[in-house]
């Protein structure tokens, strides 16, 4: 059971992370294809749900909260899918692998910067607030 939950969490994270990348269409198609193989009667609803959710996620200024809420929804759906169809474990693993290696997939944040002379550099992954006092 723990393995299914872990796999569902990884898959949900990969799917929802892909929503804000250039590779979204391929990711969406991969999820719909998975449902088409395992639960064909639900595939068209899954496609509609993904289309609606990506619009919500990309429209929100604070899309991090929307991403997390959407990730939880998909984790639940994937846990249910895996529990009802344990034979689909390899399909879900393949989906995760394809999403994590797709162009535009997030592999983490990498910064590289060089400053010379009296230059200042500010790097951040997230919000940054900077106030400079007069000299």
Protein backbone atom coordinates (compact mmCIF):
# COMPACT_ATOMS: atom_id res chain seq x y z
CA UNK A 1 0.00 0.00 0.00
CA UNK A 2 2.79 2.42 0.92
CA UNK A 3 4.41 1.86 -2.48
CA UNK A 4 1.15 2.77 -4.25
CA UNK A 5 0.76 5.95 -2.22
CA UNK A 6 4.35 6.96 -2.92
CA UNK A 7 3.97 6.28 -6.63
CA UNK A 8 0.67 8.16 -6.77
CA UNK A 9 2.29 11.13 -5.02
CA UNK A 10 5.19 11.17 -7.46
CA UNK A 11 2.84 10.92 -10.42
CA UNK A 12 0.57 13.67 -9.11
CA UNK A 13 3.54 15.95 -8.53
CA UNK A 14 4.88 15.29 -12.03
CA UNK A 15 1.49 15.86 -13.68
CA UNK A 16 0.71 19.07 -11.83
CA UNK A 17 4.25 20.43 -12.23
CA UNK A 18 3.91 19.89 -15.97
CA UNK A 19 0.84 22.15 -16.01
CA UNK A 20 3.05 25.24 -16.00
CA UNK A 21 5.55 24.04 -18.59
CA UNK A 22 5.73 23.99 -22.36
CA UNK A 23 5.35 20.21 -22.19
CA UNK A 24 1.83 20.37 -20.78
CA UNK A 25 0.07 19.05 -23.89
CA UNK A 26 2.21 15.91 -23.94
CA UNK A 27 1.77 15.45 -20.19
CA UNK A 28 -2.01 15.82 -20.50
CA UNK A 29 -2.07 13.31 -23.34
CA UNK A 30 -0.05 10.87 -21.23
CA UNK A 31 -2.51 11.05 -18.34
CA UNK A 32 -5.52 10.69 -20.62
CA UNK A 33 -3.84 7.75 -22.37
CA UNK A 34 -3.27 6.06 -19.01
CA UNK A 35 -6.95 6.41 -18.15
CA UNK A 36 -7.93 5.24 -21.63
CA UNK A 37 -6.01 1.99 -21.06
CA UNK A 38 -7.12 1.38 -17.48
CA UNK A 39 -10.55 3.02 -17.16
CA UNK A 40 -11.66 3.96 -20.68
CA UNK A 41 -15.09 5.11 -19.54
CA UNK A 42 -13.50 7.85 -17.43
CA UNK A 43 -10.90 9.08 -19.95
CA UNK A 44 -12.97 11.89 -21.47
CA UNK A 45 -13.89 13.21 -18.00
CA UNK A 46 -10.21 13.08 -16.99
CA UNK A 47 -9.36 15.13 -20.09
CA UNK A 48 -12.02 17.73 -19.21
CA UNK A 49 -10.84 17.87 -15.60
CA UNK A 50 -7.23 18.38 -16.66
CA UNK A 51 -8.24 21.14 -19.08
CA UNK A 52 -10.25 22.92 -16.40
CA UNK A 53 -7.56 22.53 -13.75
CA UNK A 54 -4.76 23.83 -15.94
CA UNK A 55 -6.83 26.95 -16.66
CA UNK A 56 -7.33 27.53 -12.93
CA UNK A 57 -3.67 26.93 -12.11
CA UNK A 58 -2.32 29.19 -14.84
CA UNK A 59 -4.87 31.95 -14.20
CA UNK A 60 -4.07 32.31 -10.52
CA UNK A 61 -1.44 34.84 -9.56
CA UNK A 62 -0.49 32.68 -6.59
CA UNK A 63 -0.44 29.50 -8.62
CA UNK A 64 1.66 27.70 -5.99
CA UNK A 65 -1.42 27.27 -3.79
CA UNK A 66 -3.48 26.15 -6.77
CA UNK A 67 -0.75 23.71 -7.77
CA UNK A 68 -0.71 22.12 -4.33
CA UNK A 69 -4.49 21.81 -4.16
CA UNK A 70 -4.55 20.28 -7.64
CA UNK A 71 -1.69 17.95 -6.76
CA UNK A 72 -3.66 16.60 -3.80
CA UNK A 73 -6.69 15.97 -6.03
CA UNK A 74 -4.60 14.02 -8.53
CA UNK A 75 -2.79 12.11 -5.81
CA UNK A 76 -6.19 10.89 -4.56
CA UNK A 77 -7.35 9.97 -8.06
CA UNK A 78 -4.13 8.10 -8.76
CA UNK A 79 -4.25 6.24 -5.43
CA UNK A 80 -7.78 5.12 -6.29
CA UNK A 81 -6.71 4.10 -9.79
CA UNK A 82 -3.75 2.09 -8.48
CA UNK A 83 -5.76 0.40 -5.74
CA UNK A 84 -8.52 -0.60 -8.14
CA UNK A 85 -6.08 -1.55 -10.91
CA UNK A 86 -2.77 -2.65 -9.36
CA UNK A 87 -1.74 -3.99 -12.77
CA UNK A 88 -1.35 -0.35 -13.86
CA UNK A 89 1.66 0.28 -11.59
CA UNK A 90 4.12 -0.03 -14.48
CA UNK A 91 2.02 2.32 -16.62
CA UNK A 92 2.06 4.93 -13.86
CA UNK A 93 5.81 4.49 -13.36
CA UNK A 94 6.32 4.99 -17.07
CA UNK A 95 4.17 8.14 -16.95
CA UNK A 96 6.26 9.55 -14.11
CA UNK A 97 9.50 8.80 -15.96
CA UNK A 98 8.26 10.38 -19.17
CA UNK A 99 7.04 13.50 -17.37
CA UNK A 100 10.23 13.92 -15.37
CA UNK A 101 12.45 13.62 -18.44
CA UNK A 102 10.28 15.67 -20.80
CA UNK A 103 11.63 18.93 -22.23
CA UNK A 104 10.74 21.74 -19.85
CA UNK A 105 10.38 19.41 -16.85
CA UNK A 106 11.56 20.97 -13.65
CA UNK A 107 14.81 19.45 -12.55
CA UNK A 108 15.31 21.99 -9.82
CA UNK A 109 16.61 25.51 -9.87
CA UNK A 110 20.15 26.23 -10.98
CA UNK A 111 21.74 29.62 -10.64
CA UNK A 112 24.98 30.83 -12.09
CA UNK A 113 26.11 34.41 -11.85
CA UNK A 114 29.28 36.40 -11.99
CA UNK A 115 29.76 39.84 -10.51
CA UNK A 116 32.69 42.09 -11.26
CA UNK A 117 34.05 45.28 -9.77
CA UNK A 118 31.37 46.85 -7.56
CA UNK A 119 28.41 44.97 -9.00
CA UNK A 120 25.78 43.45 -6.76
CA UNK A 121 23.91 40.27 -7.52
CA UNK A 122 20.59 39.15 -6.04
CA UNK A 123 19.37 35.64 -6.74
CA UNK A 124 16.21 34.10 -5.47
CA UNK A 125 13.85 31.27 -6.17
CA UNK A 126 10.61 32.69 -4.84
CA UNK A 127 9.72 36.09 -3.48
CA UNK A 128 12.40 38.64 -2.84
CA UNK A 129 12.00 42.00 -1.17
CA UNK A 130 14.87 44.45 -1.30
CA UNK A 131 15.04 47.86 0.27
CA UNK A 132 18.09 50.05 -0.01
CA UNK A 133 18.64 52.88 2.39
CA UNK A 134 20.14 56.09 1.12
CA UNK A 135 23.78 56.64 1.89
